[in-house]
Amino acid sequence: MKKYIGEIGLFIVAIIWGGGFVATQAALDGGLTTSQIMTLRFFISAVLMTVIFFKQIKNNLSMGTIKVGVILGICLFLGFFLQTLGLNYTTPSKNAFITSVNVVIVPFIGLLLYRRKIDKFGMASSFMAIIGIAVLSLSADFTVNLGDVLTLLCAFGFAFQIFFTSEFVKNHNPVALTAIQFFTAFVLSFIAQIFMGELKMHSTASGYMGIFYLAVFSTTICFLLQTICSKMVDGTRVAIILSTEAVFGTILSIIILGEPVTVRMIIGSLIIFTSVITAETKLSFLPFFKNKQ
């Protein structure tokens, strides 16, 4: 069990992120805008990280850590901002699917930047995860518009965030990295809020509860856990495991929001979980592949 502690932690992240869909909807229904949601979630997360881990952050703060933490924060902000902006021009299902292309992008970043060989099981699992997410959320409309392009760019932002997290955590303290990442994303979100003229914030109690979930669980706990676990699991497998967020989001939407269960949901979920099993075990439990190890 200890051998798979990193993978278990990432699954916890995926489950909590799945609940983030419900929390985000609550915040939006409560009257908050996209930039306001981002500013609040990253501000609260940055404050929590600083207060709880002040001593550890202070002892591990260096120019190198600040520099790579800012890079992660920029990638994180671009991912969330472009994803949300793209929703203004495309459908939520297409937005979710195109965002998940980051699963396929991650191993190619390693190939281009570090000339790393792409593992055949990792690539097969990546494409399998994409197929599963497509079955789970893609609509019948395959036309390309501005929203699709913006969402594809957001997928690159998330892919680089996942990849660089796996790289930077090898030489930098994960807590300090996470805190700087949040602070950077908060500053960029606040600048976007000012630019959009959305400084006045009003919301319902349920809207602020949504923000609380996003800030404490989806952001503070999840990204800290992701950063720590990325030290134990390679970037491609991290991306694949986190792609199960779509499955857990569907399950929690059914339980909390009462969405109907469809055959497509079941098939898509099974394909995604199969992709994770393939990446984690390399199908070594099958005689043919066991002999190839």
Protein backbone atom coordinates (compact mmCIF):
# COMPACT_ATOMS: atom_id res chain seq x y z
CA MET A 1 0.00 0.00 0.00
CA LYS A 2 2.85 2.38 0.86
CA LYS A 3 4.21 1.87 -2.65
CA TYR A 4 1.08 3.48 -4.12
CA ILE A 5 0.68 6.33 -1.62
CA GLY A 6 1.31 8.89 -4.38
CA GLU A 7 -1.36 7.41 -6.63
CA ILE A 8 -3.85 7.21 -3.74
CA GLY A 9 -3.26 10.87 -2.95
CA LEU A 10 -3.87 11.84 -6.57
CA PHE A 11 -7.14 9.89 -6.62
CA ILE A 12 -8.24 11.86 -3.54
CA VAL A 13 -7.42 15.04 -5.46
CA ALA A 14 -9.50 13.84 -8.43
CA ILE A 15 -12.47 13.06 -6.16
CA ILE A 16 -12.37 16.49 -4.49
CA TRP A 17 -11.95 18.22 -7.85
CA GLY A 18 -14.98 16.29 -9.07
CA GLY A 19 -16.97 18.01 -6.33
CA GLY A 20 -15.59 21.32 -7.55
CA PHE A 21 -18.06 21.29 -10.47
CA VAL A 22 -20.96 21.45 -8.01
CA ALA A 23 -19.21 24.10 -5.90
CA THR A 24 -18.43 26.28 -8.92
CA GLN A 25 -22.04 26.08 -10.07
CA ALA A 26 -23.17 27.17 -6.61
CA ALA A 27 -20.80 30.16 -6.70
CA LEU A 28 -21.97 31.17 -10.18
CA ASP A 29 -25.64 30.75 -9.24
CA GLY A 30 -24.95 32.87 -6.17
CA GLY A 31 -24.11 35.85 -8.39
CA LEU A 32 -20.29 35.80 -8.50
CA THR A 33 -18.40 36.27 -11.78
CA THR A 34 -15.53 34.15 -13.05
CA SER A 35 -12.79 36.63 -12.08
CA GLN A 36 -14.35 37.12 -8.63
CA ILE A 37 -14.45 33.38 -8.01
CA MET A 38 -10.82 33.01 -9.05
CA THR A 39 -9.68 35.98 -6.96
CA LEU A 40 -11.48 34.77 -3.83
CA ARG A 41 -10.41 31.13 -4.10
CA PHE A 42 -6.72 31.93 -4.66
CA PHE A 43 -6.65 34.73 -2.05
CA ILE A 44 -8.10 32.48 0.65
CA SER A 45 -5.81 29.62 -0.39
CA ALA A 46 -2.70 31.83 -0.35
CA VAL A 47 -3.59 33.14 3.12
CA LEU A 48 -4.29 29.64 4.49
CA MET A 49 -1.00 28.29 3.16
CA THR A 50 0.94 31.23 4.60
CA VAL A 51 -0.70 31.05 8.04
CA ILE A 52 -0.53 27.26 8.44
CA PHE A 53 2.92 26.70 6.94
CA PHE A 54 4.58 30.07 7.59
CA LYS A 55 7.71 28.66 9.21
CA GLN A 56 8.21 25.97 6.58
CA ILE A 57 7.69 28.45 3.74
CA LYS A 58 10.09 30.95 5.31
CA ASN A 59 12.80 28.30 5.80
CA ASN A 60 12.52 27.04 2.22
CA LEU A 61 12.10 30.34 0.39
CA SER A 62 14.77 31.16 -2.20
CA MET A 63 14.93 33.04 -5.48
CA GLY A 64 14.93 29.73 -7.32
CA THR A 65 11.79 28.54 -5.52
CA ILE A 66 10.05 31.89 -6.08
CA LYS A 67 10.91 31.80 -9.78
CA VAL A 68 9.54 28.30 -10.45
CA GLY A 69 6.56 28.94 -8.14
CA VAL A 70 5.63 31.98 -10.24
CA ILE A 71 5.89 29.86 -13.40
CA LEU A 72 3.46 27.33 -11.89
CA GLY A 73 1.12 30.14 -10.83
CA ILE A 74 1.07 31.60 -14.33
CA CYS A 75 0.27 28.18 -15.83
CA LEU A 76 -2.46 27.64 -13.23
CA PHE A 77 -4.03 31.05 -13.85
CA LEU A 78 -3.94 30.67 -17.64
CA GLY A 79 -5.52 27.21 -17.39
CA PHE A 80 -8.46 28.37 -15.27
CA PHE A 81 -8.89 31.75 -16.98
CA LEU A 82 -8.87 30.44 -20.56
CA GLN A 83 -11.09 27.50 -19.62
CA THR A 84 -13.72 29.81 -18.13
CA LEU A 85 -13.39 32.36 -20.95
CA GLY A 86 -13.88 29.59 -23.48
CA LEU A 87 -17.18 28.68 -21.84
CA ASN A 88 -18.61 31.95 -23.15
CA TYR A 89 -18.31 30.67 -26.71
CA THR A 90 -18.67 26.89 -26.51
CA THR A 91 -20.67 24.24 -24.65
CA PRO A 92 -19.69 22.91 -21.19
CA SER A 93 -19.34 19.35 -22.54
CA LYS A 94 -16.94 20.40 -25.32
CA ASN A 95 -15.10 22.62 -22.84
CA ALA A 96 -14.60 19.68 -20.46
CA PHE A 97 -13.43 17.34 -23.20
CA ILE A 98 -10.97 19.73 -24.83
CA THR A 99 -9.53 20.68 -21.42
CA SER A 100 -8.83 17.00 -20.79
CA VAL A 101 -6.52 16.91 -23.81
CA ASN A 102 -3.84 17.92 -21.26
CA VAL A 103 -3.57 14.17 -20.54
CA VAL A 104 -2.13 13.65 -24.02
CA ILE A 105 -0.06 16.86 -24.04
CA VAL A 106 1.95 16.09 -20.85
CA PRO A 107 4.17 13.28 -22.26
CA PHE A 108 4.88 15.34 -25.39
CA ILE A 109 6.13 18.22 -23.23
CA GLY A 110 8.67 15.81 -21.74
CA LEU A 111 9.65 14.67 -25.24
CA LEU A 112 10.12 18.21 -26.56
CA LEU A 113 11.83 19.78 -23.53
CA TYR A 114 13.87 16.86 -22.23
CA ARG A 115 13.92 14.40 -25.15
CA ARG A 116 12.31 11.77 -22.94
CA LYS A 117 11.07 8.62 -24.58
CA ILE A 118 7.29 8.29 -24.44
CA ASP A 119 6.23 5.08 -22.70
CA LYS A 120 3.91 3.07 -24.97
CA PHE A 121 1.59 2.16 -22.10
CA GLY A 122 1.52 5.78 -20.94
CA MET A 123 0.59 7.00 -24.40
CA ALA A 124 -1.99 4.27 -24.93
CA SER A 125 -3.51 5.10 -21.56
CA SER A 126 -3.53 8.81 -22.35
CA PHE A 127 -5.47 8.34 -25.57
CA MET A 128 -7.76 5.84 -23.86
CA ALA A 129 -8.51 8.42 -21.16
CA ILE A 130 -9.33 10.98 -23.84
CA ILE A 131 -11.72 8.54 -25.53
CA GLY A 132 -13.38 7.87 -22.17
CA ILE A 133 -13.80 11.56 -21.43
CA ALA A 134 -15.14 12.08 -24.95
CA VAL A 135 -17.78 9.40 -24.43
CA LEU A 136 -18.56 10.91 -21.03
CA SER A 137 -18.94 14.55 -22.01
CA LEU A 138 -18.57 15.34 -25.73
CA SER A 139 -21.67 16.42 -27.63
CA ALA A 140 -22.49 15.50 -31.21
CA ASP A 141 -21.41 18.95 -32.45
CA PHE A 142 -17.79 18.83 -33.64
CA THR A 143 -17.58 22.36 -35.12
CA VAL A 144 -14.59 24.48 -34.13
CA ASN A 145 -15.13 28.00 -32.81
CA LEU A 146 -13.34 30.62 -30.70
CA GLY A 147 -14.40 28.89 -27.50
CA ASP A 148 -12.86 25.61 -28.64
CA VAL A 149 -9.56 27.35 -29.48
CA LEU A 150 -9.46 29.13 -26.10
CA THR A 151 -10.22 25.87 -24.30
CA LEU A 152 -7.46 24.06 -26.20
CA LEU A 153 -5.04 26.77 -25.05
CA CYS A 154 -6.26 26.22 -21.48
CA ALA A 155 -5.43 22.51 -21.84
CA PHE A 156 -1.83 23.51 -22.58
CA GLY A 157 -1.82 25.67 -19.45
CA PHE A 158 -2.95 22.76 -17.26
CA ALA A 159 -0.57 20.34 -19.02
CA PHE A 160 2.43 22.58 -18.35
CA GLN A 161 1.27 23.06 -14.73
CA ILE A 162 1.14 19.29 -14.20
CA PHE A 163 4.44 18.67 -15.99
CA PHE A 164 6.39 21.48 -14.33
CA THR A 165 5.02 20.54 -10.91
CA SER A 166 6.48 17.05 -11.35
CA GLU A 167 9.80 18.59 -12.39
CA PHE A 168 10.15 21.45 -9.90
CA VAL A 169 9.10 19.45 -6.85
CA LYS A 170 12.26 17.32 -7.25
CA ASN A 171 14.46 20.22 -6.14
CA HIS A 172 12.10 22.56 -4.27
CA ASN A 173 9.93 22.36 -1.17
CA PRO A 174 6.36 21.42 -2.20
CA VAL A 175 4.72 23.64 0.44
CA ALA A 176 6.69 26.74 -0.57
CA LEU A 177 6.01 26.01 -4.25
CA THR A 178 2.27 25.67 -3.64
CA ALA A 179 2.07 28.91 -1.61
CA ILE A 180 3.90 30.95 -4.26
CA GLN A 181 1.78 29.37 -6.97
CA PHE A 182 -1.44 30.44 -5.20
CA PHE A 183 -0.19 33.96 -4.53
CA THR A 184 0.78 34.39 -8.19
CA ALA A 185 -2.61 33.10 -9.39
CA PHE A 186 -4.36 35.45 -6.92
CA VAL A 187 -2.47 38.53 -8.15
CA LEU A 188 -3.19 37.69 -11.80
CA SER A 189 -6.87 36.99 -11.00
CA PHE A 190 -7.21 40.28 -9.13
CA ILE A 191 -5.65 42.17 -12.05
CA ALA A 192 -8.17 40.48 -14.36
CA GLN A 193 -10.99 41.44 -11.96
CA ILE A 194 -9.91 45.09 -11.99
CA PHE A 195 -9.55 45.06 -15.79
CA MET A 196 -13.09 43.66 -16.15
CA GLY A 197 -14.53 46.21 -13.70
CA GLU A 198 -15.89 43.54 -11.35
CA LEU A 199 -14.63 44.78 -7.97
CA LYS A 200 -18.07 44.87 -6.33
CA MET A 201 -19.01 41.39 -5.09
CA HIS A 202 -22.41 40.18 -3.94
CA SER A 203 -23.45 36.56 -3.41
CA THR A 204 -25.83 34.29 -1.57
CA ALA A 205 -24.87 32.03 1.35
CA SER A 206 -24.70 29.02 -0.98
CA GLY A 207 -22.43 30.99 -3.29
CA TYR A 208 -19.97 31.70 -0.51
CA MET A 209 -20.16 28.07 0.59
CA GLY A 210 -19.14 27.15 -2.94
CA ILE A 211 -16.18 29.52 -2.66
CA PHE A 212 -15.23 27.96 0.70
CA TYR A 213 -15.15 24.49 -0.87
CA LEU A 214 -13.16 25.68 -3.88
CA ALA A 215 -10.64 27.61 -1.76
CA VAL A 216 -10.09 25.15 1.09
CA PHE A 217 -10.57 21.77 -0.57
CA SER A 218 -10.26 22.12 -4.36
CA THR A 219 -7.37 24.59 -4.17
CA THR A 220 -5.44 24.54 -0.87
CA ILE A 221 -5.66 20.84 -0.02
CA CYS A 222 -5.74 19.49 -3.57
CA PHE A 223 -2.87 21.45 -5.10
CA LEU A 224 -0.70 20.88 -2.04
CA LEU A 225 -1.47 17.16 -2.25
CA GLN A 226 -0.87 17.17 -6.01
CA THR A 227 2.52 18.85 -5.55
CA ILE A 228 3.59 16.38 -2.85
CA CYS A 229 2.36 13.31 -4.75
CA SER A 230 3.98 14.50 -7.98
CA LYS A 231 7.29 13.81 -6.26
CA MET A 232 6.36 10.11 -6.21
CA VAL A 233 4.58 9.70 -9.57
CA ASP A 234 5.75 10.65 -13.08
CA GLY A 235 3.99 13.44 -14.99
CA THR A 236 2.13 11.25 -17.48
CA ARG A 237 0.62 9.04 -14.79
CA VAL A 238 -0.26 12.13 -12.73
CA ALA A 239 -2.22 13.55 -15.68
CA ILE A 240 -4.00 10.25 -16.32
CA ILE A 241 -5.06 9.78 -12.69
CA LEU A 242 -6.26 13.38 -12.44
CA SER A 243 -8.34 12.84 -15.59
CA THR A 244 -10.66 10.67 -13.46
CA GLU A 245 -11.92 14.01 -12.12
CA ALA A 246 -14.47 13.85 -14.95
CA VAL A 247 -15.77 10.51 -13.64
CA PHE A 248 -16.06 11.67 -10.03
CA GLY A 249 -17.60 14.94 -11.17
CA THR A 250 -20.29 12.95 -12.98
CA ILE A 251 -20.91 10.69 -9.97
CA LEU A 252 -21.19 13.63 -7.54
CA SER A 253 -23.44 15.53 -9.95
CA ILE A 254 -25.77 12.52 -10.01
CA ILE A 255 -25.77 12.26 -6.20
CA ILE A 256 -25.95 15.99 -5.34
CA LEU A 257 -27.62 17.58 -8.35
CA GLY A 258 -29.78 14.60 -9.28
CA GLU A 259 -28.54 14.35 -12.86
CA PRO A 260 -29.83 11.25 -14.70
CA VAL A 261 -27.55 8.25 -15.22
CA THR A 262 -26.97 7.38 -18.88
CA VAL A 263 -25.29 4.48 -20.68
CA ARG A 264 -22.73 6.96 -22.04
CA MET A 265 -21.75 7.96 -18.50
CA ILE A 266 -21.19 4.33 -17.50
CA ILE A 267 -19.17 3.47 -20.63
CA GLY A 268 -17.05 6.63 -20.40
CA SER A 269 -16.27 6.03 -16.73
CA LEU A 270 -15.24 2.42 -17.39
CA ILE A 271 -12.90 3.47 -20.22
CA ILE A 272 -11.22 6.10 -18.04
CA PHE A 273 -10.68 3.69 -15.15
CA THR A 274 -9.31 1.12 -17.60
CA SER A 275 -6.82 3.70 -18.83
CA VAL A 276 -5.62 4.27 -15.25
CA ILE A 277 -5.24 0.54 -14.64
CA THR A 278 -3.25 0.23 -17.87
CA ALA A 279 -0.91 3.07 -16.92
CA GLU A 280 -0.40 1.86 -13.36
CA THR A 281 0.09 -1.87 -13.99
CA LYS A 282 1.27 -1.88 -17.64
CA LEU A 283 -1.11 -4.87 -17.87
CA SER A 284 1.50 -7.00 -16.08
CA PHE A 285 -1.31 -9.05 -14.53
CA LEU A 286 -1.98 -10.49 -18.01
CA PRO A 287 0.28 -13.43 -19.03
CA PHE A 288 1.30 -11.94 -22.41
CA PHE A 289 2.33 -8.56 -20.99
CA LYS A 290 3.86 -10.09 -17.86
CA ASN A 291 6.36 -11.95 -20.01
CA LYS A 292 7.25 -8.68 -21.73
CA GLN A 293 8.30 -6.95 -18.52
